[in-house]
Amino acid sequence: MKIFFTTAIFFICASAFAQKQFVLASKNLPQPDTIWVFTPKKISKNAKVPTVILLHGFGGNYKQWNSVMDAQKYADDYGYVLICPDGLVKSWYMNSLAKADWQYENFFFDELLPKMKSTLPIDTNKIFITGLSMGGHGALWLFLKHPNQFLSAGSTSGGINLRDAIGKFGVPELLGNPDKDSEIWSKYSVVSNIDKLAGTGKAFIFDCGSGDFFYQSNNALKQKCDSLKLNATYISQPGTHNAAYWKKSIKQQFDFFDKQIILNETQPKIN
């Protein structure tokens, strides 16, 4: 694995504003991945702080979340490190069944996350992941695959049932263009794999606007979480699939993550 800074000048200037960019080349991806990091401006020397990984939506890039929420302000207000990786437009943050060089899950856990842990002031016991649309699916997908890596997770307007993406959003090519009746759609969908969180006790949050085209699938995910008695919080509220909705939603999710930190610190420890 090789790590490149965009330019030495940019790195120095960005550091002054508590921001950094990394560019990681990987054998798991068809091109280098850019990661934009926001660190609280006021942070004690050698301190380790909570971290939120923010995954963007289909057609977006690592800049999308900052355009929605002012990531530096969130980093400063909550005292969190924010990590915004690039999902390469249409990776869906998973290992492609059909494309050997589109193995985003491997890249995330084998390369990106270890590099962030070793480079940034991250409290590794307080890592959260969330995302919008494609990134909502990605966040819950990575969370359910490796729940021990995260304290909690979230999804907003998540495309958590890949059957909603049949014929669009770049998903068919990643899965090898399966027939619409193929079980492959379920095999790679969050809604069909959420049972992997049963017994973990891990809390997570997801939401969707009532005017969103993913709304019915998120309602179905809520029903499945209830049937499995998972520690899931679901918010159904007015809104559609747009930045105005995500700006409202992400504040709710950060407040939820803050509560998880408090709960984690106050609950009895098992020796």
Protein backbone atom coordinates (compact mmCIF):
# COMPACT_ATOMS: atom_id res chain seq x y z
CA MET A 1 0.00 0.00 0.00
CA LYS A 2 1.24 3.49 -0.83
CA ILE A 3 0.11 6.73 0.72
CA PHE A 4 0.39 10.05 -1.09
CA PHE A 5 -0.36 13.58 0.05
CA THR A 6 -1.86 15.72 -2.71
CA THR A 7 0.92 18.29 -2.31
CA ALA A 8 3.20 19.29 0.54
CA ILE A 9 1.85 22.84 0.40
CA PHE A 10 -1.76 21.70 0.64
CA PHE A 11 -0.96 19.39 3.55
CA ILE A 12 0.67 22.18 5.55
CA CYS A 13 -2.17 24.64 4.89
CA ALA A 14 -4.86 22.08 5.65
CA SER A 15 -3.21 21.15 8.93
CA ALA A 16 -3.49 24.76 10.06
CA PHE A 17 -7.25 24.48 9.63
CA ALA A 18 -7.47 21.05 11.31
CA GLN A 19 -8.04 19.37 7.95
CA LYS A 20 -6.00 16.82 6.04
CA GLN A 21 -6.37 14.88 2.83
CA PHE A 22 -4.92 11.45 2.21
CA VAL A 23 -4.74 9.67 -1.12
CA LEU A 24 -4.41 5.90 -0.80
CA ALA A 25 -3.50 3.62 -3.69
CA SER A 26 -4.75 0.06 -3.24
CA LYS A 27 -4.66 -3.28 -5.00
CA ASN A 28 -8.33 -3.61 -4.01
CA LEU A 29 -9.52 -0.57 -5.99
CA PRO A 30 -9.34 0.53 -9.64
CA GLN A 31 -7.95 3.93 -8.67
CA PRO A 32 -6.54 5.74 -5.60
CA ASP A 33 -9.00 6.71 -2.90
CA THR A 34 -9.12 10.25 -1.44
CA ILE A 35 -9.98 10.69 2.23
CA TRP A 36 -10.80 14.11 3.69
CA VAL A 37 -10.29 14.32 7.45
CA PHE A 38 -11.60 16.98 9.84
CA THR A 39 -10.02 17.18 13.31
CA PRO A 40 -11.28 19.36 16.18
CA LYS A 41 -9.32 22.61 16.29
CA LYS A 42 -9.09 22.42 20.06
CA ILE A 43 -7.71 19.06 21.09
CA SER A 44 -5.33 18.28 23.93
CA LYS A 45 -1.90 16.93 23.13
CA ASN A 46 -1.91 13.12 22.90
CA ALA A 47 -5.71 13.06 23.34
CA LYS A 48 -7.77 10.35 21.65
CA VAL A 49 -11.26 11.36 20.57
CA PRO A 50 -14.42 9.76 19.11
CA THR A 51 -14.54 9.40 15.34
CA VAL A 52 -17.33 9.33 12.77
CA ILE A 53 -16.76 7.88 9.30
CA LEU A 54 -19.12 9.47 6.76
CA LEU A 55 -19.89 7.65 3.50
CA HIS A 56 -21.31 9.60 0.55
CA GLY A 57 -24.05 8.63 -1.87
CA PHE A 58 -24.11 7.28 -5.42
CA GLY A 59 -22.64 9.75 -7.88
CA GLY A 60 -21.02 11.77 -5.10
CA ASN A 61 -17.49 11.90 -3.73
CA TYR A 62 -15.55 12.57 -0.54
CA LYS A 63 -16.64 16.25 -0.64
CA GLN A 64 -20.38 15.54 -0.45
CA TRP A 65 -20.83 15.41 3.30
CA ASN A 66 -18.99 18.68 3.85
CA SER A 67 -21.35 20.37 1.39
CA VAL A 68 -24.29 19.07 3.42
CA MET A 69 -23.21 19.74 7.00
CA ASP A 70 -20.05 21.90 7.39
CA ALA A 71 -17.88 19.05 8.63
CA GLN A 72 -15.32 21.25 10.37
CA LYS A 73 -18.02 22.85 12.52
CA TYR A 74 -19.29 19.39 13.50
CA ALA A 75 -15.76 18.30 14.37
CA ASP A 76 -15.32 21.37 16.56
CA ASP A 77 -18.78 21.30 18.18
CA TYR A 78 -18.76 17.59 19.05
CA GLY A 79 -15.02 17.13 19.53
CA TYR A 80 -14.95 14.29 17.01
CA VAL A 81 -12.60 13.38 14.19
CA LEU A 82 -14.62 13.13 10.95
CA ILE A 83 -13.38 10.89 8.14
CA CYS A 84 -14.87 11.26 4.65
CA PRO A 85 -13.54 8.62 2.23
CA ASP A 86 -14.37 8.45 -1.46
CA GLY A 87 -16.72 5.68 -2.58
CA LEU A 88 -15.52 5.91 -6.19
CA VAL A 89 -18.95 7.10 -7.38
CA LYS A 90 -20.60 3.67 -7.37
CA SER A 91 -18.70 1.16 -5.21
CA TRP A 92 -21.58 0.66 -2.74
CA TYR A 93 -18.73 0.08 -0.24
CA MET A 94 -18.76 -3.68 -0.75
CA ASN A 95 -16.67 -6.35 -2.41
CA SER A 96 -17.86 -6.71 -5.99
CA LEU A 97 -18.89 -10.18 -7.07
CA ALA A 98 -17.98 -9.45 -10.68
CA LYS A 99 -15.06 -7.00 -10.62
CA ALA A 100 -11.83 -8.17 -9.02
CA ASP A 101 -10.52 -4.62 -8.66
CA TRP A 102 -13.64 -3.33 -6.89
CA GLN A 103 -13.17 -4.82 -3.41
CA TYR A 104 -14.10 -1.86 -1.24
CA GLU A 105 -14.83 -3.84 1.93
CA ASN A 106 -11.32 -5.31 1.83
CA PHE A 107 -9.84 -1.87 1.21
CA PHE A 108 -11.79 -0.39 4.11
CA PHE A 109 -10.82 -2.93 6.77
CA ASP A 110 -7.36 -3.94 5.56
CA GLU A 111 -6.02 -0.54 4.52
CA LEU A 112 -8.13 2.56 5.17
CA LEU A 113 -9.20 1.91 8.77
CA PRO A 114 -5.76 0.75 9.99
CA LYS A 115 -4.11 3.79 8.39
CA MET A 116 -6.59 6.18 9.98
CA LYS A 117 -6.11 4.54 13.39
CA SER A 118 -2.33 4.81 13.18
CA THR A 119 -2.26 8.38 11.85
CA LEU A 120 -5.10 10.23 13.58
CA PRO A 121 -5.98 10.90 17.26
CA ILE A 122 -8.72 8.26 17.26
CA ASP A 123 -10.20 6.58 20.31
CA THR A 124 -10.54 3.12 18.78
CA ASN A 125 -13.31 2.22 21.25
CA LYS A 126 -15.47 5.08 19.97
CA ILE A 127 -15.63 4.73 16.20
CA PHE A 128 -18.95 5.33 14.44
CA ILE A 129 -19.91 4.95 10.80
CA THR A 130 -22.84 6.39 8.88
CA GLY A 131 -23.74 7.44 5.37
CA LEU A 132 -26.42 8.69 3.02
CA SER A 133 -28.19 6.74 0.26
CA MET A 134 -25.52 4.38 -1.18
CA GLY A 135 -23.44 5.33 1.85
CA GLY A 136 -26.29 4.39 4.17
CA HIS A 137 -26.21 0.90 2.76
CA GLY A 138 -22.42 0.92 2.97
CA ALA A 139 -22.31 2.03 6.60
CA LEU A 140 -24.71 -0.64 7.83
CA TRP A 141 -23.12 -3.25 5.54
CA LEU A 142 -19.65 -2.65 6.97
CA PHE A 143 -21.10 -2.46 10.48
CA LEU A 144 -22.89 -5.80 10.30
CA LYS A 145 -19.88 -7.49 8.71
CA HIS A 146 -17.49 -6.34 11.47
CA PRO A 147 -19.53 -4.94 14.39
CA ASN A 148 -16.56 -5.22 16.75
CA GLN A 149 -14.84 -2.40 14.84
CA PHE A 150 -17.52 0.15 15.74
CA LEU A 151 -19.32 1.43 18.80
CA SER A 152 -22.39 2.17 16.70
CA ALA A 153 -23.57 2.97 13.18
CA GLY A 154 -26.19 4.88 11.25
CA SER A 155 -27.85 5.26 7.86
CA THR A 156 -29.88 8.08 6.36
CA SER A 157 -32.03 7.55 3.25
CA GLY A 158 -30.17 4.27 2.88
CA GLY A 159 -30.51 2.04 -0.16
CA ILE A 160 -30.55 -0.92 2.20
CA ASN A 161 -32.38 -3.27 -0.21
CA LEU A 162 -30.39 -3.65 -3.42
CA ARG A 163 -33.49 -4.86 -5.23
CA ASP A 164 -34.46 -1.19 -5.29
CA ALA A 165 -31.39 -0.68 -7.50
CA ILE A 166 -32.17 -3.32 -10.12
CA GLY A 167 -31.23 -1.80 -13.45
CA LYS A 168 -29.70 1.38 -11.98
CA PHE A 169 -27.21 3.05 -9.64
CA GLY A 170 -24.33 0.86 -10.86
CA VAL A 171 -25.32 -2.08 -8.69
CA PRO A 172 -26.06 -4.66 -11.42
CA GLU A 173 -22.50 -4.47 -12.80
CA LEU A 174 -21.00 -4.93 -9.33
CA LEU A 175 -23.06 -8.09 -8.84
CA GLY A 176 -22.46 -9.49 -12.33
CA ASN A 177 -25.81 -8.40 -13.81
CA PRO A 178 -27.91 -11.07 -12.08
CA ASP A 179 -31.46 -11.85 -13.13
CA LYS A 180 -34.08 -9.88 -11.22
CA ASP A 181 -35.19 -13.07 -9.46
CA SER A 182 -31.67 -14.02 -8.38
CA GLU A 183 -30.94 -14.50 -4.68
CA ILE A 184 -27.73 -12.51 -5.20
CA TRP A 185 -29.72 -9.30 -4.63
CA SER A 186 -30.65 -10.50 -1.16
CA LYS A 187 -27.21 -11.91 -0.40
CA TYR A 188 -25.66 -8.45 -0.76
CA SER A 189 -28.44 -6.37 0.82
CA VAL A 190 -28.40 -4.98 4.35
CA VAL A 191 -32.07 -5.79 4.93
CA SER A 192 -31.42 -9.49 4.28
CA ASN A 193 -28.33 -9.68 6.49
CA ILE A 194 -29.28 -7.53 9.46
CA ASP A 195 -29.81 -10.70 11.51
CA LYS A 196 -26.01 -10.91 11.79
CA LEU A 197 -26.31 -8.26 14.52
CA ALA A 198 -28.53 -10.50 16.65
CA GLY A 199 -26.90 -11.18 19.98
CA THR A 200 -24.32 -8.41 19.68
CA GLY A 201 -26.32 -5.84 21.63
CA LYS A 202 -24.91 -3.21 19.31
CA ALA A 203 -27.04 -0.08 18.99
CA PHE A 204 -27.57 1.60 15.64
CA ILE A 205 -29.81 4.23 14.06
CA PHE A 206 -31.38 4.62 10.64
CA ASP A 207 -33.91 7.00 9.16
CA CYS A 208 -35.70 7.82 5.94
CA GLY A 209 -37.98 10.57 4.72
CA SER A 210 -41.59 9.64 4.03
CA GLY A 211 -41.27 10.99 0.47
CA ASP A 212 -38.10 9.03 -0.30
CA PHE A 213 -38.01 6.28 -2.93
CA PHE A 214 -36.22 4.06 -0.36
CA TYR A 215 -38.90 4.65 2.29
CA GLN A 216 -40.77 1.36 2.02
CA SER A 217 -37.58 -0.67 2.23
CA ASN A 218 -36.48 1.21 5.34
CA ASN A 219 -39.87 0.53 6.91
CA ALA A 220 -39.34 -3.17 6.12
CA LEU A 221 -35.91 -3.01 7.76
CA LYS A 222 -37.50 -1.52 10.87
CA GLN A 223 -40.01 -4.38 11.02
CA LYS A 224 -37.21 -6.93 10.67
CA CYS A 225 -35.19 -5.25 13.42
CA ASP A 226 -38.23 -5.38 15.69
CA SER A 227 -38.80 -9.07 14.97
CA LEU A 228 -35.16 -9.82 15.79
CA LYS A 229 -35.27 -7.58 18.87
CA LEU A 230 -32.23 -5.65 17.68
CA ASN A 231 -31.06 -2.51 19.46
CA ALA A 232 -32.18 -0.31 16.56
CA THR A 233 -33.59 3.20 16.52
CA TYR A 234 -35.65 4.11 13.46
CA ILE A 235 -36.77 7.63 12.62
CA SER A 236 -39.53 8.05 10.04
CA GLN A 237 -40.07 11.72 9.29
CA PRO A 238 -41.13 14.08 6.50
CA GLY A 239 -38.57 14.57 3.76
CA THR A 240 -37.25 13.37 0.45
CA HIS A 241 -33.93 12.19 -0.96
CA ASN A 242 -32.02 15.47 -0.82
CA ALA A 243 -29.43 17.55 1.03
CA ALA A 244 -32.02 19.43 3.08
CA TYR A 245 -33.17 16.15 4.58
CA TRP A 246 -29.64 14.87 5.23
CA LYS A 247 -28.64 18.11 6.95
CA LYS A 248 -31.47 17.58 9.44
CA SER A 249 -30.86 13.87 9.78
CA ILE A 250 -27.12 13.98 10.44
CA LYS A 251 -27.62 16.21 13.49
CA GLN A 252 -29.99 13.59 14.92
CA GLN A 253 -27.45 10.88 14.29
CA PHE A 254 -24.56 12.76 15.91
CA ASP A 255 -26.72 13.32 18.99
CA PHE A 256 -27.49 9.59 19.00
CA PHE A 257 -23.77 8.78 18.82
CA ASP A 258 -23.10 11.16 21.72
CA LYS A 259 -25.63 9.23 23.81
CA GLN A 260 -23.93 5.94 22.94
CA ILE A 261 -20.65 7.29 24.29
CA ILE A 262 -22.33 8.24 27.57
CA LEU A 263 -24.03 4.84 27.83
CA ASN A 264 -20.79 3.05 27.03
CA GLU A 265 -18.93 4.95 29.74
CA THR A 266 -21.58 4.47 32.44
CA GLN A 267 -22.52 0.83 31.92
CA PRO A 268 -20.84 -1.74 34.21
CA LYS A 269 -17.70 -3.31 32.80
CA ILE A 270 -17.46 -7.09 32.65
CA ASN A 271 -14.06 -8.45 33.65
